[in-house]
Structure formats: structure tokens, C-alpha cells
């Protein structure tokens, strides 16, 4: 499974949306149900799933899935 697919699956489980709708350019603010609580839940799931620690300040600046994928790649 690609990093994009893993990340999309995590978002799908949090927001109950179809991961097929998510692209690398999908903006978090445009996702139905996206809020600060889900942002914190997602970072926790990412850190567990990928066995990494993301810099919170950079994570909170991320606007798209591609931005988060870049952070994951740097932290891995």
C-alpha cells in the first residue's frame, strides 16, 4: 500500500468518507467533518501507523495530503 493510500485510509476511518475521493491535492479544510479534533486524531494515527514523530508546528501548517506526505517522508 502506498503512503498516499495509507494516509487516505486513516482519513477515511476518521471522517467516514470514501478514500477514492482523496487526492494528494485535497485540502483538509475542504473535507467534510474536518476540525481541530480530527487534526489531532490524525497526527496520533499517523505517528502510530508510520512509527514516526511529526513536528507539530509543521503538521499544523500542512494544508493538503501532499504536505503531510512530505512530512511523513522526512520523518521516516
PDB file of N, CA and C in Angstrom:
ATOM      1  N   UNK A   1       0.855  -1.181   0.000  1.00  0.00           N
ATOM      2  CA  UNK A   1       0.000   0.000   0.000  1.00  0.00           C
ATOM      3  C   UNK A   1       0.899   1.241   0.000  1.00  0.00           C
ATOM      4  N   UNK A   2       0.598   2.178  -0.861  1.00  0.00           N
ATOM      5  CA  UNK A   2       1.402   3.403  -0.944  1.00  0.00           C
ATOM      6  C   UNK A   2       1.149   4.303   0.269  1.00  0.00           C
ATOM      7  N   UNK A   3       2.053   5.253   0.477  1.00  0.00           N
ATOM      8  CA  UNK A   3       1.886   6.192   1.574  1.00  0.00           C
ATOM      9  C   UNK A   3       0.577   6.963   1.417  1.00  0.00           C
ATOM     10  N   UNK A   4       0.263   7.360   0.177  1.00  0.00           N
ATOM     11  CA  UNK A   4      -0.993   8.079  -0.065  1.00  0.00           C
ATOM     12  C   UNK A   4      -2.181   7.218   0.348  1.00  0.00           C
ATOM     13  N   UNK A   5      -2.170   5.955  -0.043  1.00  0.00           N
ATOM     14  CA  UNK A   5      -3.284   5.068   0.296  1.00  0.00           C
ATOM     15  C   UNK A   5      -3.394   4.853   1.801  1.00  0.00           C
ATOM     16  N   UNK A   6      -2.252   4.727   2.486  1.00  0.00           N
ATOM     17  CA  UNK A   6      -2.278   4.569   3.940  1.00  0.00           C
ATOM     18  C   UNK A   6      -2.861   5.814   4.603  1.00  0.00           C
ATOM     19  N   UNK A   7      -2.422   6.982   4.156  1.00  0.00           N
ATOM     20  CA  UNK A   7      -2.917   8.237   4.714  1.00  0.00           C
ATOM     21  C   UNK A   7      -4.398   8.417   4.406  1.00  0.00           C
ATOM     22  N   UNK A   8      -4.799   8.122   3.183  1.00  0.00           N
ATOM     23  CA  UNK A   8      -6.211   8.229   2.798  1.00  0.00           C
ATOM     24  C   UNK A   8      -7.069   7.283   3.631  1.00  0.00           C
ATOM     25  N   UNK A   9      -6.569   6.088   3.899  1.00  0.00           N
ATOM     26  CA  UNK A   9      -7.322   5.124   4.712  1.00  0.00           C
ATOM     27  C   UNK A   9      -7.495   5.636   6.138  1.00  0.00           C
ATOM     28  N   UNK A  10      -6.474   6.277   6.689  1.00  0.00           N
ATOM     29  CA  UNK A  10      -6.590   6.856   8.031  1.00  0.00           C
ATOM     30  C   UNK A  10      -7.644   7.958   8.053  1.00  0.00           C
ATOM     31  N   UNK A  11      -7.629   8.817   7.046  1.00  0.00           N
ATOM     32  CA  UNK A  11      -8.607   9.904   6.966  1.00  0.00           C
ATOM     33  C   UNK A  11     -10.006   9.335   6.763  1.00  0.00           C
ATOM     34  N   UNK A  12     -10.115   8.328   5.928  1.00  0.00           N
ATOM     35  CA  UNK A  12     -11.403   7.678   5.689  1.00  0.00           C
ATOM     36  C   UNK A  12     -11.981   7.144   6.997  1.00  0.00           C
ATOM     37  N   UNK A  13     -11.148   6.520   7.814  1.00  0.00           N
ATOM     38  CA  UNK A  13     -11.644   5.953   9.070  1.00  0.00           C
ATOM     39  C   UNK A  13     -12.038   7.040  10.068  1.00  0.00           C
ATOM     40  N   UNK A  14     -11.349   8.177  10.038  1.00  0.00           N
ATOM     41  CA  UNK A  14     -11.676   9.272  10.952  1.00  0.00           C
ATOM     42  C   UNK A  14     -12.941  10.014  10.550  1.00  0.00           C
ATOM     43  N   UNK A  15     -13.090  10.265   9.260  1.00  0.00           N
ATOM     44  CA  UNK A  15     -14.163  11.138   8.784  1.00  0.00           C
ATOM     45  C   UNK A  15     -15.310  10.398   8.111  1.00  0.00           C
ATOM     46  N   UNK A  16     -15.161   9.094   7.961  1.00  0.00           N
ATOM     47  CA  UNK A  16     -16.192   8.283   7.311  1.00  0.00           C
ATOM     48  C   UNK A  16     -16.494   8.802   5.904  1.00  0.00           C
ATOM     49  N   UNK A  17     -15.415   9.023   5.136  1.00  0.00           N
ATOM     50  CA  UNK A  17     -15.560   9.417   3.738  1.00  0.00           C
ATOM     51  C   UNK A  17     -14.837   8.394   2.872  1.00  0.00           C
ATOM     52  N   UNK A  18     -15.153   8.370   1.597  1.00  0.00           N
ATOM     53  CA  UNK A  18     -14.562   7.418   0.663  1.00  0.00           C
ATOM     54  C   UNK A  18     -13.152   7.861   0.292  1.00  0.00           C
ATOM     55  N   UNK A  19     -12.169   7.001   0.543  1.00  0.00           N
ATOM     56  CA  UNK A  19     -10.785   7.368   0.265  1.00  0.00           C
ATOM     57  C   UNK A  19     -10.524   7.591  -1.219  1.00  0.00           C
ATOM     58  N   UNK A  20     -11.410   7.079  -2.072  1.00  0.00           N
ATOM     59  CA  UNK A  20     -11.259   7.297  -3.516  1.00  0.00           C
ATOM     60  C   UNK A  20     -11.438   8.773  -3.875  1.00  0.00           C
ATOM     61  N   UNK A  21     -12.096   9.536  -2.996  1.00  0.00           N
ATOM     62  CA  UNK A  21     -12.311  10.965  -3.231  1.00  0.00           C
ATOM     63  C   UNK A  21     -11.083  11.800  -2.880  1.00  0.00           C
ATOM     64  N   UNK A  22     -10.124  11.206  -2.179  1.00  0.00           N
ATOM     65  CA  UNK A  22      -8.967  11.944  -1.696  1.00  0.00           C
ATOM     66  C   UNK A  22      -7.816  11.879  -2.690  1.00  0.00           C
ATOM     67  N   UNK A  23      -7.280  13.042  -3.012  1.00  0.00           N
ATOM     68  CA  UNK A  23      -6.102  13.123  -3.871  1.00  0.00           C
ATOM     69  C   UNK A  23      -4.985  13.790  -3.076  1.00  0.00           C
ATOM     70  N   UNK A  24      -3.797  13.787  -3.618  1.00  0.00           N
ATOM     71  CA  UNK A  24      -2.672  14.442  -2.952  1.00  0.00           C
ATOM     72  C   UNK A  24      -2.942  15.936  -2.768  1.00  0.00           C
ATOM     73  N   UNK A  25      -3.763  16.505  -3.644  1.00  0.00           N
ATOM     74  CA  UNK A  25      -4.075  17.936  -3.578  1.00  0.00           C
ATOM     75  C   UNK A  25      -5.317  18.262  -2.757  1.00  0.00           C
ATOM     76  N   UNK A  26      -5.929  17.252  -2.147  1.00  0.00           N
ATOM     77  CA  UNK A  26      -7.109  17.502  -1.309  1.00  0.00           C
ATOM     78  C   UNK A  26      -6.712  18.372  -0.115  1.00  0.00           C
ATOM     79  N   UNK A  27      -7.478  19.440   0.094  1.00  0.00           N
ATOM     80  CA  UNK A  27      -7.240  20.337   1.228  1.00  0.00           C
ATOM     81  C   UNK A  27      -8.032  19.842   2.429  1.00  0.00           C
ATOM     82  N   UNK A  28      -7.372  19.781   3.569  1.00  0.00           N
ATOM     83  CA  UNK A  28      -8.043  19.314   4.780  1.00  0.00           C
ATOM     84  C   UNK A  28      -9.270  20.158   5.093  1.00  0.00           C
ATOM     85  N   UNK A  29      -9.162  21.483   4.937  1.00  0.00           N
ATOM     86  CA  UNK A  29     -10.280  22.372   5.282  1.00  0.00           C
ATOM     87  C   UNK A  29     -11.528  22.098   4.456  1.00  0.00           C
ATOM     88  N   UNK A  30     -11.353  21.452   3.311  1.00  0.00           N
ATOM     89  CA  UNK A  30     -12.489  21.153   2.440  1.00  0.00           C
ATOM     90  C   UNK A  30     -13.114  19.783   2.710  1.00  0.00           C
ATOM     91  N   UNK A  31     -12.509  19.006   3.602  1.00  0.00           N
ATOM     92  CA  UNK A  31     -13.035  17.668   3.887  1.00  0.00           C
ATOM     93  C   UNK A  31     -14.224  17.769   4.832  1.00  0.00           C
ATOM     94  N   UNK A  32     -15.309  17.061   4.532  1.00  0.00           N
ATOM     95  CA  UNK A  32     -16.473  17.099   5.422  1.00  0.00           C
ATOM     96  C   UNK A  32     -16.115  16.546   6.801  1.00  0.00           C
ATOM     97  N   UNK A  33     -16.432  17.317   7.821  1.00  0.00           N
ATOM     98  CA  UNK A  33     -16.175  16.876   9.189  1.00  0.00           C
ATOM     99  C   UNK A  33     -14.791  17.217   9.707  1.00  0.00           C
ATOM    100  N   UNK A  34     -13.969  17.882   8.887  1.00  0.00           N
ATOM    101  CA  UNK A  34     -12.610  18.208   9.327  1.00  0.00           C
ATOM    102  C   UNK A  34     -12.649  19.328  10.355  1.00  0.00           C
ATOM    103  N   UNK A  35     -11.980  19.121  11.472  1.00  0.00           N
ATOM    104  CA  UNK A  35     -11.873  20.138  12.513  1.00  0.00           C
ATOM    105  C   UNK A  35     -10.583  19.898  13.289  1.00  0.00           C
ATOM    106  N   UNK A  36     -10.333  20.720  14.292  1.00  0.00           N
ATOM    107  CA  UNK A  36      -9.080  20.617  15.041  1.00  0.00           C
ATOM    108  C   UNK A  36      -8.969  19.301  15.808  1.00  0.00           C
ATOM    109  N   UNK A  37     -10.086  18.782  16.261  1.00  0.00           N
ATOM    110  CA  UNK A  37     -10.065  17.500  16.976  1.00  0.00           C
ATOM    111  C   UNK A  37      -9.619  16.387  16.034  1.00  0.00           C
ATOM    112  N   UNK A  38     -10.175  16.365  14.835  1.00  0.00           N
ATOM    113  CA  UNK A  38      -9.769  15.342  13.869  1.00  0.00           C
ATOM    114  C   UNK A  38      -8.330  15.552  13.405  1.00  0.00           C
ATOM    115  N   UNK A  39      -7.861  16.785  13.382  1.00  0.00           N
ATOM    116  CA  UNK A  39      -6.456  17.042  13.043  1.00  0.00           C
ATOM    117  C   UNK A  39      -5.541  16.377  14.071  1.00  0.00           C
ATOM    118  N   UNK A  40      -5.896  16.489  15.345  1.00  0.00           N
ATOM    119  CA  UNK A  40      -5.089  15.871  16.399  1.00  0.00           C
ATOM    120  C   UNK A  40      -5.209  14.344  16.369  1.00  0.00           C
ATOM    121  N   UNK A  41      -6.393  13.867  16.080  1.00  0.00           N
ATOM    122  CA  UNK A  41      -6.568  12.413  15.957  1.00  0.00           C
ATOM    123  C   UNK A  41      -5.736  11.865  14.804  1.00  0.00           C
ATOM    124  N   UNK A  42      -5.723  12.597  13.692  1.00  0.00           N
ATOM    125  CA  UNK A  42      -4.976  12.128  12.527  1.00  0.00           C
ATOM    126  C   UNK A  42      -3.484  12.065  12.822  1.00  0.00           C
ATOM    127  N   UNK A  43      -2.933  13.087  13.471  1.00  0.00           N
ATOM    128  CA  UNK A  43      -1.496  13.045  13.754  1.00  0.00           C
ATOM    129  C   UNK A  43      -1.164  11.864  14.663  1.00  0.00           C
ATOM    130  N   UNK A  44      -2.024  11.578  15.625  1.00  0.00           N
ATOM    131  CA  UNK A  44      -1.789  10.426  16.505  1.00  0.00           C
ATOM    132  C   UNK A  44      -1.795   9.128  15.706  1.00  0.00           C
ATOM    133  N   UNK A  45      -2.757   8.993  14.805  1.00  0.00           N
ATOM    134  CA  UNK A  45      -2.832   7.788  13.967  1.00  0.00           C
ATOM    135  C   UNK A  45      -1.627   7.690  13.025  1.00  0.00           C
ATOM    136  N   UNK A  46      -1.215   8.813  12.456  1.00  0.00           N
ATOM    137  CA  UNK A  46      -0.056   8.817  11.557  1.00  0.00           C
ATOM    138  C   UNK A  46       1.190   8.362  12.311  1.00  0.00           C
ATOM    139  N   UNK A  47       1.398   8.927  13.495  1.00  0.00           N
ATOM    140  CA  UNK A  47       2.593   8.587  14.261  1.00  0.00           C
ATOM    141  C   UNK A  47       2.611   7.116  14.648  1.00  0.00           C
ATOM    142  N   UNK A  48       1.452   6.559  14.928  1.00  0.00           N
ATOM    143  CA  UNK A  48       1.371   5.134  15.248  1.00  0.00           C
ATOM    144  C   UNK A  48       1.562   4.280  14.001  1.00  0.00           C
ATOM    145  N   UNK A  49       0.831   4.598  12.949  1.00  0.00           N
ATOM    146  CA  UNK A  49       0.859   3.809  11.710  1.00  0.00           C
ATOM    147  C   UNK A  49       2.249   3.767  11.075  1.00  0.00           C
ATOM    148  N   UNK A  50       2.920   4.916  11.060  1.00  0.00           N
ATOM    149  CA  UNK A  50       4.213   5.014  10.389  1.00  0.00           C
ATOM    150  C   UNK A  50       5.398   4.917  11.353  1.00  0.00           C
ATOM    151  N   UNK A  51       5.114   4.790  12.653  1.00  0.00           N
ATOM    152  CA  UNK A  51       6.155   4.687  13.694  1.00  0.00           C
ATOM    153  C   UNK A  51       7.144   5.857  13.598  1.00  0.00           C
ATOM    154  N   UNK A  52       6.576   7.071  13.566  1.00  0.00           N
ATOM    155  CA  UNK A  52       7.377   8.291  13.455  1.00  0.00           C
ATOM    156  C   UNK A  52       6.847   9.327  14.437  1.00  0.00           C
ATOM    157  N   UNK A  53       7.572  10.415  14.572  1.00  0.00           N
ATOM    158  CA  UNK A  53       7.132  11.565  15.353  1.00  0.00           C
ATOM    159  C   UNK A  53       7.154  12.767  14.419  1.00  0.00           C
ATOM    160  N   UNK A  54       5.986  13.378  14.204  1.00  0.00           N
ATOM    161  CA  UNK A  54       5.899  14.542  13.321  1.00  0.00           C
ATOM    162  C   UNK A  54       6.062  15.829  14.121  1.00  0.00           C
ATOM    163  N   UNK A  55       6.748  16.820  13.555  1.00  0.00           N
ATOM    164  CA  UNK A  55       6.842  18.125  14.213  1.00  0.00           C
ATOM    165  C   UNK A  55       5.469  18.809  14.171  1.00  0.00           C
ATOM    166  N   UNK A  56       4.893  19.047  15.330  1.00  0.00           N
ATOM    167  CA  UNK A  56       3.515  19.534  15.421  1.00  0.00           C
ATOM    168  C   UNK A  56       3.330  20.871  14.698  1.00  0.00           C
ATOM    169  N   UNK A  57       4.282  21.784  14.815  1.00  0.00           N
ATOM    170  CA  UNK A  57       4.133  23.094  14.162  1.00  0.00           C
ATOM    171  C   UNK A  57       4.047  22.946  12.650  1.00  0.00           C
ATOM    172  N   UNK A  58       4.896  22.089  12.091  1.00  0.00           N
ATOM    173  CA  UNK A  58       4.865  21.878  10.642  1.00  0.00           C
ATOM    174  C   UNK A  58       3.590  21.148  10.232  1.00  0.00           C
ATOM    175  N   UNK A  59       3.167  20.183  11.046  1.00  0.00           N
ATOM    176  CA  UNK A  59       1.943  19.441  10.742  1.00  0.00           C
ATOM    177  C   UNK A  59       0.743  20.383  10.691  1.00  0.00           C
ATOM    178  N   UNK A  60       0.651  21.285  11.653  1.00  0.00           N
ATOM    179  CA  UNK A  60      -0.494  22.197  11.703  1.00  0.00           C
ATOM    180  C   UNK A  60      -0.506  23.191  10.546  1.00  0.00           C
ATOM    181  N   UNK A  61       0.631  23.402   9.907  1.00  0.00           N
ATOM    182  CA  UNK A  61       0.706  24.277   8.732  1.00  0.00           C
ATOM    183  C   UNK A  61       0.340  23.538   7.447  1.00  0.00           C
ATOM    184  N   UNK A  62       0.341  22.216   7.493  1.00  0.00           N
ATOM    185  CA  UNK A  62       0.051  21.413   6.300  1.00  0.00           C
ATOM    186  C   UNK A  62      -1.388  21.660   5.852  1.00  0.00           C
ATOM    187  N   UNK A  63      -1.557  21.918   4.571  1.00  0.00           N
ATOM    188  CA  UNK A  63      -2.884  22.198   4.028  1.00  0.00           C
ATOM    189  C   UNK A  63      -3.447  21.050   3.207  1.00  0.00           C
ATOM    190  N   UNK A  64      -2.566  20.227   2.648  1.00  0.00           N
ATOM    191  CA  UNK A  64      -3.012  19.154   1.757  1.00  0.00           C
ATOM    192  C   UNK A  64      -2.429  17.811   2.185  1.00  0.00           C
ATOM    193  N   UNK A  65      -2.967  16.753   1.600  1.00  0.00           N
ATOM    194  CA  UNK A  65      -2.414  15.432   1.850  1.00  0.00           C
ATOM    195  C   UNK A  65      -0.960  15.367   1.405  1.00  0.00           C
ATOM    196  N   UNK A  66      -0.636  16.019   0.291  1.00  0.00           N
ATOM    197  CA  UNK A  66       0.749  16.029  -0.200  1.00  0.00           C
ATOM    198  C   UNK A  66       1.689  16.664   0.824  1.00  0.00           C
ATOM    199  N   UNK A  67       1.227  17.729   1.483  1.00  0.00           N
ATOM    200  CA  UNK A  67       2.044  18.369   2.520  1.00  0.00           C
ATOM    201  C   UNK A  67       2.354  17.385   3.643  1.00  0.00           C
ATOM    202  N   UNK A  68       1.353  16.638   4.075  1.00  0.00           N
ATOM    203  CA  UNK A  68       1.544  15.671   5.158  1.00  0.00           C
ATOM    204  C   UNK A  68       2.413  14.506   4.683  1.00  0.00           C
ATOM    205  N   UNK A  69       2.235  14.085   3.448  1.00  0.00           N
ATOM    206  CA  UNK A  69       3.077  13.016   2.906  1.00  0.00           C
ATOM    207  C   UNK A  69       4.544  13.438   2.913  1.00  0.00           C
ATOM    208  N   UNK A  70       4.814  14.691   2.608  1.00  0.00           N
ATOM    209  CA  UNK A  70       6.185  15.203   2.644  1.00  0.00           C
ATOM    210  C   UNK A  70       6.736  15.152   4.062  1.00  0.00           C
ATOM    211  N   UNK A  71       5.923  15.544   5.038  1.00  0.00           N
ATOM    212  CA  UNK A  71       6.355  15.494   6.439  1.00  0.00           C
ATOM    213  C   UNK A  71       6.638  14.062   6.878  1.00  0.00           C
ATOM    214  N   UNK A  72       5.782  13.142   6.464  1.00  0.00           N
ATOM    215  CA  UNK A  72       5.977  11.729   6.813  1.00  0.00           C
ATOM    216  C   UNK A  72       7.285  11.223   6.210  1.00  0.00           C
ATOM    217  N   UNK A  73       7.524  11.547   4.954  1.00  0.00           N
ATOM    218  CA  UNK A  73       8.746  11.093   4.276  1.00  0.00           C
ATOM    219  C   UNK A  73       9.992  11.646   4.970  1.00  0.00           C
ATOM    220  N   UNK A  74       9.933  12.895   5.404  1.00  0.00           N
ATOM    221  CA  UNK A  74      11.074  13.499   6.099  1.00  0.00           C
ATOM    222  C   UNK A  74      11.315  12.860   7.460  1.00  0.00           C
ATOM    223  N   UNK A  75      10.235  12.476   8.136  1.00  0.00           N
ATOM    224  CA  UNK A  75      10.345  11.921   9.485  1.00  0.00           C
ATOM    225  C   UNK A  75      10.721  10.442   9.489  1.00  0.00           C
ATOM    226  N   UNK A  76      10.510   9.781   8.360  1.00  0.00           N
ATOM    227  CA  UNK A  76      10.761   8.329   8.306  1.00  0.00           C
ATOM    228  C   UNK A  76      12.240   8.008   8.248  1.00  0.00           C
TER     229      UNK A  76
END
